[in-house]
Amino acid sequence: MVDLRSDTVTRPGPAMLEAMANAEVGDDVYGEDPAVNALEAEAAALLGHEAAVFTPTGSMANQIALQLLVPPGQELLCDAKAHVVNFEMGAAAALGGISTRTWHVPNGRLDVSLVEPMINLPHPYATTTRAVAVENTHNIGGGTVQPLAELRALRELADAYGLAVHLDGARIWNAHVATGVPLHEYGRLFDTVSVCLSKGLGAPVGSLLVTDAERAARGRVLRKRLGGGMRQVGYLAEAGRFALANNIGRLAEDHARARRLAEALQPYGVCDAAQVETNVVLLRIPEIAKTAAAAAEQGVRISALGPDWGRLLTHLDVDDAGIEHAVKVLTELVRDGRA
């Protein structure tokens, strides 16, 4: 089975499993797990910050960050397709008392000129804006890489208005590999950064909130409150350490395979290869659920996200042979009109 539904479907290989089995562990709630402590220090250094907090999920890392930056009853600005307002079960409002407002942009690409008019300064009759969130790369936008110039402009704008800025960097590794921009250059533009280990990097579970030492300490309290206090979790942290050390550079292979898929499918009008910047290919196919079912019967899984659109994601568990099989199956389906 060639599973292109998401880059979350990967499973640890033998070398990662060996690293996990050999992990030195302790009680992380007490701060005594050596593998977790090492992972947090390594991730913080990569992103140019002081500290990090290991969390079981990216949603938890994001929501801890938002609660650190936005008091209850005040607001976060982000784009309308952002993960934090579409796929985290309303947690900002339900758990943090945070109001959100959104702007609309094609493919999730940041346009700072849209942000400034939305900012509410403290006022007796308005919800005060306290933070802005950006997703890089942008999932539903199609793996969009946010332009560095726009990120710098956003930082300047936020500083001018006294706002905080959060990066949902679940796939920041892909942006780094696609552009060559150092991870610390991205990270230092933000007050808080969430990064994922279980998407493109192939760890079985885990994300990190990266920030300064003071916020990290408060973040640990929020993590415990949200049920994220973990004990001998170093076995999972060691998988994350292996992923950071071995699986970032190879993301370029995923990007090349995504382009191969897009270029094969573009002649049939179901995708735009020019929009593929990383490992995500957006599809536009009427009644795409039927296409997904037909493809699955031939050993290819794709993600149907709406009545007429979906996506393909490449990852380390799909090699060139798998891509060629997917190309054969999907091009036959769209060519024959069975899509």
Protein backbone atom coordinates (compact mmCIF):
# COMPACT_ATOMS: atom_id res chain seq x y z
CA MET A 1 0.00 0.00 0.00
CA VAL A 2 1.30 3.45 -1.00
CA ASP A 3 -0.15 5.73 1.66
CA LEU A 4 -0.15 9.38 0.57
CA ARG A 5 -2.87 10.60 2.93
CA SER A 6 -0.42 12.34 5.26
CA ASP A 7 3.18 12.44 6.39
CA THR A 8 1.92 11.35 9.82
CA VAL A 9 1.50 7.72 8.73
CA THR A 10 5.21 6.87 8.88
CA ARG A 11 6.53 4.18 11.20
CA PRO A 12 9.93 3.99 12.93
CA GLY A 13 12.62 2.13 11.02
CA PRO A 14 15.11 -0.29 12.59
CA ALA A 15 17.68 2.38 13.47
CA MET A 16 15.10 4.60 15.18
CA LEU A 17 13.70 1.61 17.07
CA GLU A 18 17.19 0.72 18.26
CA ALA A 19 17.72 4.28 19.50
CA MET A 20 14.41 4.11 21.35
CA ALA A 21 15.24 0.77 22.95
CA ASN A 22 18.56 2.11 24.21
CA ALA A 23 17.16 5.35 25.66
CA GLU A 24 18.11 6.36 29.19
CA VAL A 25 14.89 7.45 30.86
CA GLY A 26 13.55 9.00 34.06
CA ASP A 27 10.41 10.77 35.28
CA ASP A 28 9.80 13.76 33.02
CA VAL A 29 7.22 15.37 35.32
CA TYR A 30 10.09 15.70 37.78
CA GLY A 31 12.34 16.93 34.97
CA GLU A 32 14.49 13.81 35.38
CA ASP A 33 14.29 12.17 31.96
CA PRO A 34 17.73 12.55 30.32
CA ALA A 35 16.47 11.86 26.80
CA VAL A 36 13.70 14.45 27.09
CA ASN A 37 16.07 17.03 28.52
CA ALA A 38 18.52 16.43 25.68
CA LEU A 39 15.79 16.62 23.03
CA GLU A 40 14.46 19.89 24.42
CA ALA A 41 17.93 21.45 24.53
CA GLU A 42 18.74 20.32 20.98
CA ALA A 43 15.46 21.61 19.55
CA ALA A 44 15.79 24.95 21.33
CA ALA A 45 19.30 25.41 19.95
CA LEU A 46 18.19 24.58 16.41
CA LEU A 47 15.44 27.22 16.55
CA GLY A 48 17.55 29.89 18.27
CA HIS A 49 15.72 29.90 21.60
CA GLU A 50 16.53 29.20 25.23
CA ALA A 51 14.23 26.31 26.05
CA ALA A 52 11.66 23.82 24.81
CA VAL A 53 8.84 21.69 26.21
CA PHE A 54 8.19 18.19 24.84
CA THR A 55 4.47 17.57 24.23
CA PRO A 56 2.57 14.53 22.98
CA THR A 57 0.95 16.44 20.10
CA GLY A 58 1.34 19.50 17.94
CA SER A 59 -2.12 20.71 18.90
CA MET A 60 -1.07 20.74 22.55
CA ALA A 61 2.13 22.61 21.73
CA ASN A 62 0.15 25.19 19.76
CA GLN A 63 -2.50 25.63 22.42
CA ILE A 64 0.03 26.01 25.22
CA ALA A 65 1.75 28.69 23.15
CA LEU A 66 -1.50 30.56 22.53
CA GLN A 67 -2.40 30.49 26.22
CA LEU A 68 1.05 31.87 27.04
CA LEU A 69 0.61 34.75 24.60
CA VAL A 70 -3.10 35.64 24.77
CA PRO A 71 -5.02 36.19 28.03
CA PRO A 72 -8.64 34.97 28.21
CA GLY A 73 -11.06 37.33 26.52
CA GLN A 74 -8.45 38.79 24.20
CA GLU A 75 -7.66 37.83 20.64
CA LEU A 76 -5.39 36.02 18.24
CA LEU A 77 -5.16 36.90 14.54
CA CYS A 78 -4.34 34.23 11.95
CA ASP A 79 -5.31 33.21 8.42
CA ALA A 80 -8.62 31.52 7.76
CA LYS A 81 -7.04 28.19 6.77
CA ALA A 82 -4.67 27.96 9.74
CA HIS A 83 -4.42 24.69 11.63
CA VAL A 84 -4.95 26.41 14.99
CA VAL A 85 -8.49 27.48 14.03
CA ASN A 86 -9.50 24.61 11.73
CA PHE A 87 -8.13 21.38 13.16
CA GLU A 88 -7.67 21.84 16.90
CA MET A 89 -11.29 21.36 17.98
CA GLY A 90 -11.90 24.98 18.99
CA ALA A 91 -9.35 24.60 21.78
CA ALA A 92 -8.26 28.25 21.78
CA ALA A 93 -11.79 29.29 22.77
CA ALA A 94 -12.81 26.21 24.74
CA LEU A 95 -9.66 25.87 26.85
CA GLY A 96 -7.98 29.27 26.67
CA GLY A 97 -10.91 31.69 26.44
CA ILE A 98 -9.18 33.14 23.38
CA SER A 99 -11.07 34.99 20.66
CA THR A 100 -9.83 34.64 17.09
CA ARG A 101 -10.24 36.64 13.89
CA THR A 102 -8.88 35.64 10.50
CA TRP A 103 -7.73 37.05 7.20
CA HIS A 104 -8.08 35.35 3.80
CA VAL A 105 -5.16 34.75 1.43
CA PRO A 106 -4.60 32.33 -1.47
CA ASN A 107 -2.68 29.20 -0.49
CA GLY A 108 -2.15 30.47 3.04
CA ARG A 109 0.69 32.77 1.98
CA LEU A 110 1.29 35.55 4.49
CA ASP A 111 0.51 39.12 3.38
CA VAL A 112 1.38 41.49 6.20
CA SER A 113 -0.57 44.33 4.59
CA LEU A 114 -3.74 42.43 5.55
CA VAL A 115 -2.74 42.11 9.18
CA GLU A 116 -2.23 45.70 10.34
CA PRO A 117 -5.81 46.90 9.63
CA MET A 118 -7.13 44.06 11.81
CA ILE A 119 -5.19 44.99 14.94
CA ASN A 120 -7.38 46.19 17.82
CA LEU A 121 -5.55 48.33 20.33
CA PRO A 122 -6.79 48.32 23.95
CA HIS A 123 -10.20 49.99 24.02
CA PRO A 124 -13.22 49.85 26.38
CA TYR A 125 -15.46 48.42 23.63
CA ALA A 126 -13.16 46.26 21.50
CA THR A 127 -11.46 42.88 21.93
CA THR A 128 -7.76 43.62 22.31
CA THR A 129 -5.38 41.94 19.87
CA ARG A 130 -2.49 40.27 21.67
CA ALA A 131 -0.84 37.92 19.17
CA VAL A 132 -0.57 36.79 15.55
CA ALA A 133 -0.04 33.18 14.44
CA VAL A 134 1.57 32.02 11.20
CA GLU A 135 1.82 28.47 9.79
CA ASN A 136 5.00 27.49 7.94
CA THR A 137 4.79 25.46 5.83
CA HIS A 138 1.07 25.92 5.36
CA ASN A 139 -0.78 22.62 5.34
CA ILE A 140 -4.11 23.39 3.68
CA GLY A 141 -2.45 26.04 1.55
CA GLY A 142 -0.58 23.19 -0.15
CA GLY A 143 2.74 23.07 1.69
CA THR A 144 3.28 26.78 1.09
CA VAL A 145 6.58 28.24 2.30
CA GLN A 146 6.11 31.63 3.95
CA PRO A 147 8.39 34.30 2.42
CA LEU A 148 11.16 35.32 4.80
CA ALA A 149 10.66 39.01 3.93
CA GLU A 150 7.01 38.82 5.00
CA LEU A 151 7.93 37.06 8.25
CA ARG A 152 10.44 39.79 9.02
CA ALA A 153 7.85 42.44 8.20
CA LEU A 154 5.39 40.74 10.54
CA ARG A 155 7.95 40.77 13.34
CA GLU A 156 8.49 44.50 12.82
CA LEU A 157 4.75 45.12 12.80
CA ALA A 158 4.24 43.09 15.95
CA ASP A 159 7.02 44.95 17.74
CA ALA A 160 5.52 48.29 16.71
CA TYR A 161 2.16 47.33 18.24
CA GLY A 162 3.45 45.36 21.21
CA LEU A 163 2.11 42.04 19.94
CA ALA A 164 3.49 38.54 20.29
CA VAL A 165 3.96 36.20 17.30
CA HIS A 166 3.54 32.42 17.26
CA LEU A 167 4.84 30.06 14.58
CA ASP A 168 2.96 26.85 13.95
CA GLY A 169 6.07 25.22 12.56
CA ALA A 170 4.84 21.64 12.35
CA ARG A 171 6.59 21.46 8.96
CA ILE A 172 9.20 24.18 9.45
CA TRP A 173 11.77 21.52 8.59
CA ASN A 174 10.32 21.41 5.05
CA ALA A 175 10.54 25.20 4.73
CA HIS A 176 14.17 25.10 5.87
CA VAL A 177 15.10 22.40 3.36
CA ALA A 178 13.20 24.06 0.51
CA THR A 179 14.75 27.50 1.01
CA GLY A 180 18.05 26.97 2.80
CA VAL A 181 16.99 29.52 5.43
CA PRO A 182 18.58 28.42 8.73
CA LEU A 183 16.14 27.14 11.31
CA HIS A 184 17.36 29.65 13.88
CA GLU A 185 16.64 32.49 11.46
CA TYR A 186 13.03 31.40 11.28
CA GLY A 187 12.81 30.69 15.00
CA ARG A 188 14.15 33.99 16.25
CA LEU A 189 11.39 35.91 14.49
CA PHE A 190 8.81 34.36 16.83
CA ASP A 191 8.09 34.42 20.55
CA THR A 192 6.88 30.82 20.52
CA VAL A 193 7.39 28.04 17.97
CA SER A 194 5.74 24.63 17.77
CA VAL A 195 7.53 21.93 15.80
CA CYS A 196 6.43 18.38 14.99
CA LEU A 197 8.56 15.24 15.09
CA SER A 198 5.94 12.78 13.81
CA LYS A 199 5.17 14.29 10.40
CA GLY A 200 8.01 14.55 7.90
CA LEU A 201 10.65 13.46 10.39
CA GLY A 202 9.11 10.06 11.03
CA ALA A 203 9.03 9.80 14.82
CA PRO A 204 6.04 7.84 16.15
CA VAL A 205 4.71 10.72 18.26
CA GLY A 206 5.69 14.08 19.71
CA SER A 207 6.06 17.80 19.22
CA LEU A 208 7.89 20.60 20.98
CA LEU A 209 7.05 24.10 22.11
CA VAL A 210 10.20 26.21 21.68
CA THR A 211 10.47 29.57 23.45
CA ASP A 212 12.35 31.45 26.17
CA ALA A 213 13.07 29.95 29.58
CA GLU A 214 10.38 31.88 31.45
CA ARG A 215 7.60 30.92 29.04
CA ALA A 216 8.83 27.32 28.96
CA ALA A 217 8.48 27.09 32.73
CA ARG A 218 4.92 28.39 32.54
CA GLY A 219 4.32 26.10 29.58
CA ARG A 220 5.12 23.06 31.71
CA VAL A 221 2.37 24.07 34.13
CA LEU A 222 -0.10 24.39 31.24
CA ARG A 223 1.04 21.05 29.81
CA LYS A 224 0.27 19.33 33.12
CA ARG A 225 -3.10 21.10 33.33
CA LEU A 226 -3.96 19.85 29.85
CA GLY A 227 -3.08 16.27 30.79
CA GLY A 228 0.30 16.25 29.09
CA GLY A 229 2.50 15.37 32.03
CA MET A 230 4.43 12.27 30.99
CA ARG A 231 6.67 9.93 32.97
CA GLN A 232 9.33 7.70 31.35
CA VAL A 233 8.74 9.30 27.97
CA GLY A 234 12.39 9.30 26.99
CA TYR A 235 11.77 6.29 24.76
CA LEU A 236 9.71 8.62 22.54
CA ALA A 237 12.06 11.55 23.01
CA GLU A 238 14.93 9.42 21.76
CA ALA A 239 12.96 8.80 18.55
CA GLY A 240 12.68 12.57 18.22
CA ARG A 241 16.41 13.02 18.73
CA PHE A 242 17.09 10.43 16.04
CA ALA A 243 14.67 12.23 13.72
CA LEU A 244 16.36 15.61 14.22
CA ALA A 245 19.79 14.12 13.65
CA ASN A 246 18.97 11.99 10.62
CA ASN A 247 15.75 12.93 8.87
CA ILE A 248 15.76 16.66 8.17
CA GLY A 249 18.06 16.75 5.13
CA ARG A 250 16.30 13.86 3.44
CA LEU A 251 13.08 15.92 3.19
CA ALA A 252 14.45 17.12 -0.17
CA GLU A 253 13.62 13.63 -1.49
CA ASP A 254 9.99 14.07 -0.44
CA HIS A 255 9.84 17.43 -2.19
CA ALA A 256 11.18 15.94 -5.42
CA ARG A 257 8.67 13.09 -5.26
CA ALA A 258 5.80 15.52 -4.69
CA ARG A 259 6.85 17.44 -7.81
CA ARG A 260 6.96 14.17 -9.74
CA LEU A 261 3.37 13.43 -8.73
CA ALA A 262 2.19 16.95 -9.55
CA GLU A 263 3.88 17.07 -12.94
CA ALA A 264 2.34 13.72 -13.89
CA LEU A 265 -1.15 14.77 -12.84
CA GLN A 266 -1.15 18.37 -14.06
CA PRO A 267 -1.98 17.54 -17.71
CA TYR A 268 -5.32 16.16 -16.50
CA GLY A 269 -6.26 19.45 -14.83
CA VAL A 270 -6.45 18.11 -11.28
CA CYS A 271 -3.51 20.00 -9.76
CA ASP A 272 -1.08 22.86 -10.35
CA ALA A 273 2.53 21.70 -10.28
CA ALA A 274 3.75 25.30 -10.02
CA GLN A 275 2.21 25.52 -6.54
CA VAL A 276 4.13 22.53 -5.18
CA GLU A 277 6.93 23.91 -3.02
CA THR A 278 7.44 21.10 -0.53
CA ASN A 279 5.78 17.71 0.06
CA VAL A 280 2.09 18.58 -0.42
CA VAL A 281 0.08 18.26 -3.65
CA LEU A 282 -3.44 19.69 -3.61
CA LEU A 283 -5.97 17.95 -5.83
CA ARG A 284 -9.18 19.32 -7.37
CA ILE A 285 -11.35 16.41 -8.46
CA PRO A 286 -15.17 16.33 -8.51
CA GLU A 287 -16.53 13.70 -6.12
CA ILE A 288 -13.02 12.98 -4.96
CA ALA A 289 -14.20 10.38 -2.45
CA LYS A 290 -14.94 8.08 -5.39
CA THR A 291 -11.42 8.60 -6.71
CA ALA A 292 -9.97 7.87 -3.28
CA ALA A 293 -11.96 4.64 -3.03
CA ALA A 294 -10.93 3.50 -6.52
CA ALA A 295 -7.27 4.31 -5.84
CA ALA A 296 -7.33 2.44 -2.54
CA GLU A 297 -8.54 -0.69 -4.35
CA GLN A 298 -5.32 -0.49 -6.37
CA GLY A 299 -3.04 0.09 -3.42
CA VAL A 300 -2.86 3.90 -3.29
CA ARG A 301 -4.36 5.92 -0.46
CA ILE A 302 -5.11 9.63 -0.93
CA SER A 303 -6.82 12.13 1.34
CA ALA A 304 -10.26 13.46 0.39
CA LEU A 305 -10.82 16.62 2.43
CA GLY A 306 -13.96 17.96 0.81
CA PRO A 307 -16.49 17.16 -1.94
CA ASP A 308 -14.08 18.16 -4.69
CA TRP A 309 -10.63 18.54 -3.18
CA GLY A 310 -7.97 16.60 -1.37
CA ARG A 311 -4.23 16.18 -1.12
CA LEU A 312 -1.23 13.91 -1.50
CA LEU A 313 1.68 14.05 0.93
CA THR A 314 5.04 12.41 0.31
CA HIS A 315 7.13 11.11 3.19
CA LEU A 316 9.98 8.79 4.11
CA ASP A 317 7.86 5.62 3.88
CA VAL A 318 7.15 6.13 0.16
CA ASP A 319 10.11 5.54 -2.17
CA ASP A 320 10.48 6.17 -5.90
CA ALA A 321 8.85 2.85 -6.78
CA GLY A 322 5.85 3.78 -4.65
CA ILE A 323 5.58 7.13 -6.36
CA GLU A 324 5.65 5.51 -9.80
CA HIS A 325 2.88 3.14 -8.76
CA ALA A 326 0.83 6.09 -7.51
CA VAL A 327 1.44 7.96 -10.76
CA LYS A 328 0.23 4.97 -12.77
CA VAL A 329 -2.91 4.43 -10.70
CA LEU A 330 -3.92 8.08 -10.38
CA THR A 331 -3.22 9.08 -13.98
CA GLU A 332 -5.26 6.13 -15.24
CA LEU A 333 -8.16 7.14 -13.00
CA VAL A 334 -8.22 10.78 -14.07
CA ARG A 335 -7.49 9.97 -17.73
CA ASP A 336 -10.29 7.45 -17.96
CA GLY A 337 -12.75 9.81 -16.34
CA ARG A 338 -13.30 7.57 -13.34
CA ALA A 339 -12.25 10.48 -11.16
